[in-house]
PDB file of N, CA and C in Angstrom:
ATOM      1  N   MET A   1       0.710  -1.106  -0.094  1.00  0.00           N
ATOM      2  CA  MET A   1       0.176   0.115  -0.067  1.00  0.00           C
ATOM      3  C   MET A   1       0.979   1.285  -0.125  1.00  0.00           C
ATOM      4  N   LEU A   2       0.397   1.991  -0.910  1.00  0.00           N
ATOM      5  CA  LEU A   2       1.406   3.519  -1.030  1.00  0.00           C
ATOM      6  C   LEU A   2       1.165   4.291   0.606  1.00  0.00           C
ATOM      7  N   PRO A   3       2.296   4.593   0.893  1.00  0.00           N
ATOM      8  CA  PRO A   3       2.366   5.779   2.419  1.00  0.00           C
ATOM      9  C   PRO A   3       1.038   6.524   2.387  1.00  0.00           C
ATOM     10  N   ALA A   4       0.799   7.204   0.983  1.00  0.00           N
ATOM     11  CA  ALA A   4       0.164   8.692   0.786  1.00  0.00           C
ATOM     12  C   ALA A   4      -1.309   7.989   1.019  1.00  0.00           C
ATOM     13  N   ILE A   5      -1.567   6.830   0.786  1.00  0.00           N
ATOM     14  CA  ILE A   5      -3.122   6.567   0.782  1.00  0.00           C
ATOM     15  C   ILE A   5      -3.967   6.683   2.242  1.00  0.00           C
ATOM     16  N   PRO A   6      -3.520   6.049   3.382  1.00  0.00           N
ATOM     17  CA  PRO A   6      -3.437   6.195   4.366  1.00  0.00           C
ATOM     18  C   PRO A   6      -3.680   7.513   4.936  1.00  0.00           C
ATOM     19  N   LEU A   7      -2.836   8.485   4.655  1.00  0.00           N
ATOM     20  CA  LEU A   7      -2.589   9.972   5.313  1.00  0.00           C
ATOM     21  C   LEU A   7      -3.812  10.390   4.210  1.00  0.00           C
ATOM     22  N   LEU A   8      -4.098  10.204   3.214  1.00  0.00           N
ATOM     23  CA  LEU A   8      -5.435  10.824   2.406  1.00  0.00           C
ATOM     24  C   LEU A   8      -6.615  10.707   3.041  1.00  0.00           C
ATOM     25  N   LEU A   9      -6.596   9.214   3.237  1.00  0.00           N
ATOM     26  CA  LEU A   9      -7.826   9.028   4.071  1.00  0.00           C
ATOM     27  C   LEU A   9      -8.035   9.230   5.580  1.00  0.00           C
ATOM     28  N   GLY A  10      -6.896   9.747   6.193  1.00  0.00           N
ATOM     29  CA  GLY A  10      -7.002  10.120   7.355  1.00  0.00           C
ATOM     30  C   GLY A  10      -7.439  11.430   7.454  1.00  0.00           C
ATOM     31  N   PHE A  11      -7.357  12.514   6.576  1.00  0.00           N
ATOM     32  CA  PHE A  11      -7.549  13.834   6.232  1.00  0.00           C
ATOM     33  C   PHE A  11      -9.181  13.904   5.502  1.00  0.00           C
ATOM     34  N   ILE A  12      -9.378  13.201   4.858  1.00  0.00           N
ATOM     35  CA  ILE A  12     -10.564  12.688   4.252  1.00  0.00           C
ATOM     36  C   ILE A  12     -11.761  12.286   5.448  1.00  0.00           C
ATOM     37  N   ALA A  13     -11.579  11.810   6.178  1.00  0.00           N
ATOM     38  CA  ALA A  13     -12.191  11.128   7.601  1.00  0.00           C
ATOM     39  C   ALA A  13     -12.358  12.345   8.096  1.00  0.00           C
ATOM     40  N   ALA A  14     -11.385  13.053   8.467  1.00  0.00           N
ATOM     41  CA  ALA A  14     -11.533  13.955   9.633  1.00  0.00           C
ATOM     42  C   ALA A  14     -12.306  15.632   8.761  1.00  0.00           C
ATOM     43  N   MET A  15     -12.100  15.608   7.548  1.00  0.00           N
ATOM     44  CA  MET A  15     -13.084  16.434   6.941  1.00  0.00           C
ATOM     45  C   MET A  15     -14.699  16.138   7.026  1.00  0.00           C
ATOM     46  N   VAL A  16     -14.988  14.861   6.982  1.00  0.00           N
ATOM     47  CA  VAL A  16     -16.274  13.988   6.755  1.00  0.00           C
ATOM     48  C   VAL A  16     -16.747  14.310   8.340  1.00  0.00           C
ATOM     49  N   PHE A  17     -15.840  14.267   9.062  1.00  0.00           N
ATOM     50  CA  PHE A  17     -16.405  13.999  10.593  1.00  0.00           C
ATOM     51  C   PHE A  17     -16.916  15.658  11.123  1.00  0.00           C
ATOM     52  N   GLU A  18     -15.805  16.657  10.644  1.00  0.00           N
ATOM     53  CA  GLU A  18     -15.976  17.951  11.034  1.00  0.00           C
ATOM     54  C   GLU A  18     -17.160  18.305  10.322  1.00  0.00           C
ATOM     55  N   LEU A  19     -17.502  18.370   9.097  1.00  0.00           N
ATOM     56  CA  LEU A  19     -18.754  18.770   8.405  1.00  0.00           C
ATOM     57  C   LEU A  19     -20.009  18.014   8.864  1.00  0.00           C
ATOM     58  N   ALA A  20     -19.642  16.647   9.503  1.00  0.00           N
ATOM     59  CA  ALA A  20     -21.002  16.065  10.142  1.00  0.00           C
ATOM     60  C   ALA A  20     -21.156  16.864  11.480  1.00  0.00           C
ATOM     61  N   SER A  21     -20.004  17.185  12.239  1.00  0.00           N
ATOM     62  CA  SER A  21     -20.324  17.621  13.907  1.00  0.00           C
ATOM     63  C   SER A  21     -20.732  19.202  13.376  1.00  0.00           C
ATOM     64  N   HIS A  22     -20.695  20.089  12.226  1.00  0.00           N
ATOM     65  CA  HIS A  22     -20.682  21.308  12.062  1.00  0.00           C
ATOM     66  C   HIS A  22     -22.502  21.100  11.560  1.00  0.00           C
ATOM     67  N   ALA A  23     -22.725  20.242  11.075  1.00  0.00           N
ATOM     68  CA  ALA A  23     -24.359  20.089  10.856  1.00  0.00           C
ATOM     69  C   ALA A  23     -25.205  19.612  12.427  1.00  0.00           C
ATOM     70  N   VAL A  24     -24.554  18.743  12.705  1.00  0.00           N
ATOM     71  CA  VAL A  24     -25.171  18.478  13.931  1.00  0.00           C
ATOM     72  C   VAL A  24     -25.267  19.172  15.284  1.00  0.00           C
ATOM     73  N   TYR A  25     -24.064  19.741  15.237  1.00  0.00           N
ATOM     74  CA  TYR A  25     -24.561  20.709  16.676  1.00  0.00           C
ATOM     75  C   TYR A  25     -24.130  22.571  15.996  1.00  0.00           C
ATOM     76  N   GLY A  26     -24.046  22.492  15.321  1.00  0.00           N
ATOM     77  CA  GLY A  26     -24.191  23.931  14.946  1.00  0.00           C
ATOM     78  C   GLY A  26     -22.790  24.489  14.764  1.00  0.00           C
ATOM     79  N   THR A  27     -22.579  25.852  14.147  1.00  0.00           N
ATOM     80  CA  THR A  27     -21.042  26.331  14.061  1.00  0.00           C
ATOM     81  C   THR A  27     -20.749  26.982  15.820  1.00  0.00           C
ATOM     82  N   GLU A  28     -21.682  27.491  16.254  1.00  0.00           N
ATOM     83  CA  GLU A  28     -21.591  28.181  17.693  1.00  0.00           C
ATOM     84  C   GLU A  28     -21.140  27.120  18.863  1.00  0.00           C
ATOM     85  N   ASP A  29     -22.214  25.928  18.659  1.00  0.00           N
ATOM     86  CA  ASP A  29     -22.373  25.183  19.667  1.00  0.00           C
ATOM     87  C   ASP A  29     -21.136  24.429  19.577  1.00  0.00           C
ATOM     88  N   ILE A  30     -20.440  24.076  18.476  1.00  0.00           N
ATOM     89  CA  ILE A  30     -19.312  23.340  18.396  1.00  0.00           C
ATOM     90  C   ILE A  30     -18.005  23.597  19.055  1.00  0.00           C
ATOM     91  N   MET A  31     -18.030  24.692  19.797  1.00  0.00           N
ATOM     92  CA  MET A  31     -16.794  25.476  20.113  1.00  0.00           C
ATOM     93  C   MET A  31     -17.130  24.599  21.994  1.00  0.00           C
ATOM     94  N   SER A  32     -18.304  24.428  22.091  1.00  0.00           N
ATOM     95  CA  SER A  32     -18.064  23.951  23.749  1.00  0.00           C
ATOM     96  C   SER A  32     -17.755  22.398  24.011  1.00  0.00           C
ATOM     97  N   HIS A  33     -17.928  21.872  22.571  1.00  0.00           N
ATOM     98  CA  HIS A  33     -17.569  20.228  22.645  1.00  0.00           C
ATOM     99  C   HIS A  33     -16.086  20.178  22.718  1.00  0.00           C
ATOM    100  N   THR A  34     -15.198  19.802  23.273  1.00  0.00           N
ATOM    101  CA  THR A  34     -13.745  19.793  22.898  1.00  0.00           C
ATOM    102  C   THR A  34     -13.423  18.539  22.331  1.00  0.00           C
ATOM    103  N   TRP A  35     -14.330  17.490  22.765  1.00  0.00           N
ATOM    104  CA  TRP A  35     -13.797  16.014  22.004  1.00  0.00           C
ATOM    105  C   TRP A  35     -13.832  16.200  20.709  1.00  0.00           C
ATOM    106  N   ILE A  36     -14.843  17.209  19.757  1.00  0.00           N
ATOM    107  CA  ILE A  36     -14.536  17.224  18.414  1.00  0.00           C
ATOM    108  C   ILE A  36     -13.330  17.279  17.696  1.00  0.00           C
ATOM    109  N   ASP A  37     -13.080  18.079  18.370  1.00  0.00           N
ATOM    110  CA  ASP A  37     -11.231  18.769  17.864  1.00  0.00           C
ATOM    111  C   ASP A  37     -10.568  17.621  18.226  1.00  0.00           C
ATOM    112  N   MET A  38     -10.605  16.678  19.270  1.00  0.00           N
ATOM    113  CA  MET A  38      -9.746  15.944  19.669  1.00  0.00           C
ATOM    114  C   MET A  38      -9.908  14.791  18.590  1.00  0.00           C
ATOM    115  N   VAL A  39     -11.223  14.384  18.310  1.00  0.00           N
ATOM    116  CA  VAL A  39     -11.507  13.303  17.080  1.00  0.00           C
ATOM    117  C   VAL A  39     -10.686  13.633  15.882  1.00  0.00           C
ATOM    118  N   PHE A  40     -11.051  15.105  15.422  1.00  0.00           N
ATOM    119  CA  PHE A  40     -10.579  15.602  14.308  1.00  0.00           C
ATOM    120  C   PHE A  40      -9.044  15.391  14.421  1.00  0.00           C
ATOM    121  N   TRP A  41      -8.174  15.749  15.151  1.00  0.00           N
ATOM    122  CA  TRP A  41      -6.914  15.843  15.080  1.00  0.00           C
ATOM    123  C   TRP A  41      -6.315  14.097  15.352  1.00  0.00           C
ATOM    124  N   GLY A  42      -7.310  13.146  15.954  1.00  0.00           N
ATOM    125  CA  GLY A  42      -7.055  11.779  16.176  1.00  0.00           C
ATOM    126  C   GLY A  42      -7.088  11.198  14.967  1.00  0.00           C
ATOM    127  N   LEU A  43      -8.217  11.689  13.595  1.00  0.00           N
ATOM    128  CA  LEU A  43      -8.333  11.111  12.530  1.00  0.00           C
ATOM    129  C   LEU A  43      -6.939  11.145  11.789  1.00  0.00           C
ATOM    130  N   ILE A  44      -6.383  12.387  11.860  1.00  0.00           N
ATOM    131  CA  ILE A  44      -5.653  12.966  11.103  1.00  0.00           C
ATOM    132  C   ILE A  44      -4.110  12.136  11.746  1.00  0.00           C
ATOM    133  N   ALA A  45      -4.021  12.030  13.052  1.00  0.00           N
ATOM    134  CA  ALA A  45      -2.919  11.322  13.806  1.00  0.00           C
ATOM    135  C   ALA A  45      -3.092  10.032  12.978  1.00  0.00           C
ATOM    136  N   ALA A  46      -3.711   9.410  13.085  1.00  0.00           N
ATOM    137  CA  ALA A  46      -3.864   7.805  13.007  1.00  0.00           C
ATOM    138  C   ALA A  46      -3.696   7.936  11.518  1.00  0.00           C
ATOM    139  N   GLY A  47      -4.125   8.857  10.700  1.00  0.00           N
ATOM    140  CA  GLY A  47      -3.639   8.751   9.168  1.00  0.00           C
ATOM    141  C   GLY A  47      -2.014   8.657   8.811  1.00  0.00           C
ATOM    142  N   VAL A  48      -1.470   9.797   9.447  1.00  0.00           N
ATOM    143  CA  VAL A  48      -0.155   9.678   9.413  1.00  0.00           C
ATOM    144  C   VAL A  48       0.795   8.717  10.223  1.00  0.00           C
ATOM    145  N   LEU A  49       0.475   8.037  11.267  1.00  0.00           N
ATOM    146  CA  LEU A  49       0.791   6.818  12.044  1.00  0.00           C
ATOM    147  C   LEU A  49       0.662   5.738  11.167  1.00  0.00           C
ATOM    148  N   VAL A  50      -0.094   5.500  10.560  1.00  0.00           N
ATOM    149  CA  VAL A  50      -0.330   4.381   9.544  1.00  0.00           C
ATOM    150  C   VAL A  50       0.664   4.762   8.412  1.00  0.00           C
ATOM    151  N   SER A  51       0.699   5.473   8.185  1.00  0.00           N
ATOM    152  CA  SER A  51       1.702   5.800   6.571  1.00  0.00           C
ATOM    153  C   SER A  51       2.878   5.763   6.831  1.00  0.00           C
ATOM    154  N   LEU A  52       3.639   6.056   8.611  1.00  0.00           N
ATOM    155  CA  LEU A  52       4.715   6.069   9.310  1.00  0.00           C
ATOM    156  C   LEU A  52       5.120   4.726   9.383  1.00  0.00           C
ATOM    157  N   VAL A  53       4.053   3.271   9.835  1.00  0.00           N
ATOM    158  CA  VAL A  53       4.307   2.585   9.896  1.00  0.00           C
ATOM    159  C   VAL A  53       4.824   1.593   8.804  1.00  0.00           C
ATOM    160  N   ASN A  54       4.008   1.980   7.586  1.00  0.00           N
ATOM    161  CA  ASN A  54       3.729   1.716   6.012  1.00  0.00           C
ATOM    162  C   ASN A  54       5.314   2.029   5.371  1.00  0.00           C
ATOM    163  N   VAL A  55       5.783   2.761   5.892  1.00  0.00           N
ATOM    164  CA  VAL A  55       7.316   3.355   5.305  1.00  0.00           C
ATOM    165  C   VAL A  55       8.069   2.704   6.021  1.00  0.00           C
ATOM    166  N   PHE A  56       8.200   2.500   7.563  1.00  0.00           N
ATOM    167  CA  PHE A  56       9.503   2.396   8.474  1.00  0.00           C
ATOM    168  C   PHE A  56       9.155   0.724   8.550  1.00  0.00           C
ATOM    169  N   TRP A  57       7.896   0.161   8.665  1.00  0.00           N
ATOM    170  CA  TRP A  57       7.662  -1.164   9.216  1.00  0.00           C
ATOM    171  C   TRP A  57       8.250  -2.293   8.430  1.00  0.00           C
ATOM    172  N   GLY A  58       8.346  -1.940   6.642  1.00  0.00           N
ATOM    173  CA  GLY A  58       8.176  -2.661   5.807  1.00  0.00           C
ATOM    174  C   GLY A  58      10.128  -3.226   5.691  1.00  0.00           C
ATOM    175  N   CYS A  59      10.977  -2.464   6.111  1.00  0.00           N
ATOM    176  CA  CYS A  59      12.002  -2.689   5.951  1.00  0.00           C
ATOM    177  C   CYS A  59      12.816  -2.804   7.850  1.00  0.00           C
ATOM    178  N   LEU A  60      12.295  -2.618   8.221  1.00  0.00           N
ATOM    179  CA  LEU A  60      12.392  -2.670   9.830  1.00  0.00           C
ATOM    180  C   LEU A  60      12.965  -4.093  10.104  1.00  0.00           C
ATOM    181  N   PRO A  61      12.396  -5.128   9.947  1.00  0.00           N
ATOM    182  CA  PRO A  61      12.719  -6.423  10.440  1.00  0.00           C
ATOM    183  C   PRO A  61      13.959  -6.929   9.149  1.00  0.00           C
ATOM    184  N   CYS A  62      14.162  -6.444   8.133  1.00  0.00           N
ATOM    185  CA  CYS A  62      14.869  -6.624   7.405  1.00  0.00           C
ATOM    186  C   CYS A  62      16.364  -5.949   7.817  1.00  0.00           C
ATOM    187  N   ARG A  63      16.235  -4.952   8.349  1.00  0.00           N
ATOM    188  CA  ARG A  63      17.610  -4.113   8.615  1.00  0.00           C
ATOM    189  C   ARG A  63      17.986  -4.778  10.142  1.00  0.00           C
ATOM    190  N   LEU A  64      16.967  -5.266  10.917  1.00  0.00           N
ATOM    191  CA  LEU A  64      17.174  -5.706  12.217  1.00  0.00           C
ATOM    192  C   LEU A  64      18.260  -7.117  12.154  1.00  0.00           C
ATOM    193  N   SER A  65      17.547  -7.979  10.858  1.00  0.00           N
ATOM    194  CA  SER A  65      18.131  -9.383  10.372  1.00  0.00           C
ATOM    195  C   SER A  65      19.775  -8.981   9.707  1.00  0.00           C
ATOM    196  N   ARG A  66      20.092  -7.955   9.446  1.00  0.00           N
ATOM    197  CA  ARG A  66      20.936  -7.756   8.753  1.00  0.00           C
ATOM    198  C   ARG A  66      21.954  -7.123   9.817  1.00  0.00           C
ATOM    199  N   LEU A  67      21.568  -6.943  10.787  1.00  0.00           N
ATOM    200  CA  LEU A  67      22.596  -5.785  12.104  1.00  0.00           C
ATOM    201  C   LEU A  67      22.973  -7.394  13.018  1.00  0.00           C
ATOM    202  N   VAL A  68      21.981  -8.507  13.380  1.00  0.00           N
ATOM    203  CA  VAL A  68      22.419  -9.840  14.138  1.00  0.00           C
ATOM    204  C   VAL A  68      23.078 -10.715  12.873  1.00  0.00           C
ATOM    205  N   HIS A  69      23.299  -9.995  11.505  1.00  0.00           N
ATOM    206  CA  HIS A  69      24.166 -10.862  10.696  1.00  0.00           C
ATOM    207  C   HIS A  69      23.344 -12.133  10.566  1.00  0.00           C
ATOM    208  N   ALA A  70      22.147 -12.467  10.486  1.00  0.00           N
ATOM    209  CA  ALA A  70      21.450 -14.119  10.403  1.00  0.00           C
ATOM    210  C   ALA A  70      21.014 -13.828   9.091  1.00  0.00           C
ATOM    211  N   LYS A  71      21.713 -14.818   8.534  1.00  0.00           N
ATOM    212  CA  LYS A  71      21.459 -15.156   6.685  1.00  0.00           C
ATOM    213  C   LYS A  71      20.089 -15.625   6.733  1.00  0.00           C
ATOM    214  N   GLY A  72      19.783 -16.609   7.486  1.00  0.00           N
ATOM    215  CA  GLY A  72      18.432 -17.205   7.236  1.00  0.00           C
ATOM    216  C   GLY A  72      17.366 -16.205   7.161  1.00  0.00           C
ATOM    217  N   LEU A  73      17.551 -15.105   8.599  1.00  0.00           N
ATOM    218  CA  LEU A  73      16.536 -14.174   8.418  1.00  0.00           C
ATOM    219  C   LEU A  73      16.536 -13.411   7.500  1.00  0.00           C
ATOM    220  N   GLN A  74      17.561 -13.106   7.196  1.00  0.00           N
ATOM    221  CA  GLN A  74      17.789 -12.102   5.621  1.00  0.00           C
ATOM    222  C   GLN A  74      17.096 -12.503   4.378  1.00  0.00           C
ATOM    223  N   ASP A  75      17.137 -14.242   4.170  1.00  0.00           N
ATOM    224  CA  ASP A  75      16.657 -14.480   3.056  1.00  0.00           C
ATOM    225  C   ASP A  75      15.020 -14.627   3.249  1.00  0.00           C
ATOM    226  N   HIS A  76      14.922 -14.750   4.283  1.00  0.00           N
ATOM    227  CA  HIS A  76      13.068 -14.670   4.969  1.00  0.00           C
ATOM    228  C   HIS A  76      12.642 -13.348   4.792  1.00  0.00           C
ATOM    229  N   LEU A  77      13.376 -12.138   5.282  1.00  0.00           N
ATOM    230  CA  LEU A  77      12.758 -11.120   5.149  1.00  0.00           C
ATOM    231  C   LEU A  77      12.952 -10.309   4.310  1.00  0.00           C
ATOM    232  N   CYS A  78      13.874 -10.336   3.659  1.00  0.00           N
ATOM    233  CA  CYS A  78      14.285  -9.330   2.459  1.00  0.00           C
ATOM    234  C   CYS A  78      14.191 -10.067   1.202  1.00  0.00           C
ATOM    235  N   ARG A  79      14.020 -10.746   0.848  1.00  0.00           N
ATOM    236  CA  ARG A  79      13.449 -11.127  -0.321  1.00  0.00           C
ATOM    237  C   ARG A  79      12.668 -10.535  -1.497  1.00  0.00           C
ATOM    238  N   ASN A  80      11.601 -10.057  -1.179  1.00  0.00           N
ATOM    239  CA  ASN A  80      10.497  -9.139  -1.917  1.00  0.00           C
ATOM    240  C   ASN A  80      10.987  -7.537  -1.359  1.00  0.00           C
ATOM    241  N   LEU A  81      11.481  -7.285  -1.063  1.00  0.00           N
ATOM    242  CA  LEU A  81      11.822  -5.786  -0.689  1.00  0.00           C
ATOM    243  C   LEU A  81      12.913  -5.203  -0.758  1.00  0.00           C
ATOM    244  N   THR A  82      12.755  -3.779  -1.251  1.00  0.00           N
ATOM    245  CA  THR A  82      13.846  -3.178  -1.901  1.00  0.00           C
ATOM    246  C   THR A  82      14.745  -1.909  -1.027  1.00  0.00           C
ATOM    247  N   CYS A  83      15.047  -2.590   0.052  1.00  0.00           N
ATOM    248  CA  CYS A  83      15.795  -2.045   1.408  1.00  0.00           C
ATOM    249  C   CYS A  83      17.215  -1.701   1.235  1.00  0.00           C
ATOM    250  N   SER A  84      17.700  -0.732   1.565  1.00  0.00           N
ATOM    251  CA  SER A  84      19.232  -0.676   1.343  1.00  0.00           C
ATOM    252  C   SER A  84      19.798  -0.876   2.750  1.00  0.00           C
TER     253      SER A  84
END
């Protein structure tokens, strides 16, 4: 999965949530509900976190197996990756 897709989905989910909360609570009443901001930023943070995991986790086991010089693990973990 491309790293930009979860990030984009997080932003889209946050915008849809923001629009829905404005429709339900109204613009003036939305300021009294702090959980709305927490959910909005949580959706964005979740997209960023999933993107970072996709970028770094794919190469992490391969890099760790190279660090401990485990040839069997390197063959198993690094065969389909383009990690350097």
